[in-house]
């Protein structure tokens, strides 16, 4: 009987053939969960579970915040950045037109 911590579906099971010809079931380590978006928690596409033997370009998505935000949240974040940048530029332009008198 496996111990209670081995009876979860997260643990990977493999079959091992012993020298006597008997086949036994072995419980390996836990499988990693799927990569999730940091904002909404949606599953990230293109990010593999096991990244130990992969190069950096294979581990992540090649875009800003790749591997941290889903494309929908990233689109919103970029729009917010552009909007705040536009507001700051408008404020600077307005201050330069009307310099304070002292």
Protein backbone atom coordinates (compact mmCIF):
# COMPACT_ATOMS: atom_id res chain seq x y z
CA UNK A 1 0.00 0.00 0.00
CA UNK A 2 1.52 3.36 -0.97
CA UNK A 3 1.83 6.05 1.62
CA UNK A 4 -0.90 8.74 1.52
CA UNK A 5 1.36 11.37 -0.06
CA UNK A 6 1.96 8.98 -3.01
CA UNK A 7 -1.74 8.45 -3.65
CA UNK A 8 -2.29 11.78 -5.37
CA UNK A 9 -2.75 12.18 -9.13
CA UNK A 10 0.07 14.75 -9.22
CA UNK A 11 2.71 12.07 -8.74
CA UNK A 12 3.95 10.39 -11.90
CA UNK A 13 3.78 6.59 -11.96
CA UNK A 14 6.16 4.41 -13.96
CA UNK A 15 6.50 0.67 -14.33
CA UNK A 16 9.94 -0.80 -13.60
CA UNK A 17 11.01 -4.28 -14.63
CA UNK A 18 13.13 -6.01 -11.98
CA UNK A 19 15.93 -8.53 -12.71
CA UNK A 20 13.73 -11.46 -11.65
CA UNK A 21 11.18 -10.61 -14.37
CA UNK A 22 8.67 -9.03 -12.00
CA UNK A 23 7.18 -5.65 -12.96
CA UNK A 24 6.51 -3.16 -10.16
CA UNK A 25 4.92 0.28 -10.10
CA UNK A 26 7.17 3.11 -8.91
CA UNK A 27 5.98 6.53 -7.85
CA UNK A 28 8.16 9.35 -9.16
CA UNK A 29 8.25 13.01 -8.12
CA UNK A 30 5.39 15.41 -8.52
CA UNK A 31 4.62 16.82 -11.95
CA UNK A 32 4.93 20.57 -12.33
CA UNK A 33 1.76 22.54 -12.78
CA UNK A 34 1.03 24.45 -15.96
CA UNK A 35 2.38 27.97 -16.24
CA UNK A 36 -0.27 30.53 -15.26
CA UNK A 37 -0.79 34.24 -15.96
CA UNK A 38 0.25 36.46 -13.06
CA UNK A 39 -2.79 38.71 -13.43
CA UNK A 40 -5.80 36.56 -14.37
CA UNK A 41 -4.51 33.04 -13.69
CA UNK A 42 -5.18 31.73 -17.21
CA UNK A 43 -2.97 28.97 -18.61
CA UNK A 44 0.01 30.26 -20.60
CA UNK A 45 0.45 28.69 -24.02
CA UNK A 46 3.90 27.82 -25.34
CA UNK A 47 5.50 27.30 -21.91
CA UNK A 48 6.53 23.65 -21.33
CA UNK A 49 6.18 21.99 -17.94
CA UNK A 50 9.64 20.46 -17.72
CA UNK A 51 12.27 23.08 -18.59
CA UNK A 52 15.40 21.57 -17.07
CA UNK A 53 17.11 20.51 -20.30
CA UNK A 54 15.79 23.28 -22.58
CA UNK A 55 17.54 26.42 -23.75
CA UNK A 56 16.23 29.82 -22.65
CA UNK A 57 14.51 30.48 -25.97
CA UNK A 58 12.57 27.21 -25.66
CA UNK A 59 11.47 27.90 -22.07
CA UNK A 60 9.64 31.17 -22.62
CA UNK A 61 7.68 33.21 -25.15
CA UNK A 62 9.66 35.87 -27.00
CA UNK A 63 7.71 39.05 -26.17
CA UNK A 64 7.64 41.58 -23.33
CA UNK A 65 6.56 39.90 -20.06
CA UNK A 66 6.76 36.55 -21.93
CA UNK A 67 6.00 33.68 -19.59
CA UNK A 68 4.43 35.96 -16.96
CA UNK A 69 1.28 37.41 -18.55
CA UNK A 70 -1.17 35.96 -21.08
CA UNK A 71 -1.63 37.81 -24.36
CA UNK A 72 -4.95 39.37 -23.25
CA UNK A 73 -3.53 40.80 -20.01
CA UNK A 74 -0.37 41.91 -21.81
CA UNK A 75 -2.46 43.84 -24.34
CA UNK A 76 -4.28 45.62 -21.48
CA UNK A 77 -0.99 46.37 -19.71
CA UNK A 78 0.55 47.90 -22.85
CA UNK A 79 -2.56 50.05 -23.38
CA UNK A 80 -2.35 51.28 -19.77
CA UNK A 81 1.35 52.15 -20.20
CA UNK A 82 0.68 54.08 -23.43
CA UNK A 83 -2.24 55.92 -21.84
CA UNK A 84 -0.20 56.95 -18.77
CA UNK A 85 2.71 58.00 -21.01
CA UNK A 86 0.36 60.15 -23.12
CA UNK A 87 -1.07 61.81 -20.00
CA UNK A 88 2.44 62.62 -18.74
CA UNK A 89 3.47 64.06 -22.11
CA UNK A 90 0.32 66.20 -22.22
CA UNK A 91 1.02 67.49 -18.70
CA UNK A 92 4.62 68.38 -19.61
CA UNK A 93 3.45 70.16 -22.79
CA UNK A 94 0.87 72.13 -20.83
CA UNK A 95 3.46 73.22 -18.24
CA UNK A 96 5.85 74.35 -20.95
CA UNK A 97 3.17 76.52 -22.58
CA UNK A 98 2.25 78.29 -19.35
CA UNK A 99 5.39 78.69 -17.22
CA UNK A 100 4.67 79.67 -13.62
CA UNK A 101 5.40 83.31 -12.77
CA UNK A 102 7.18 84.04 -9.52
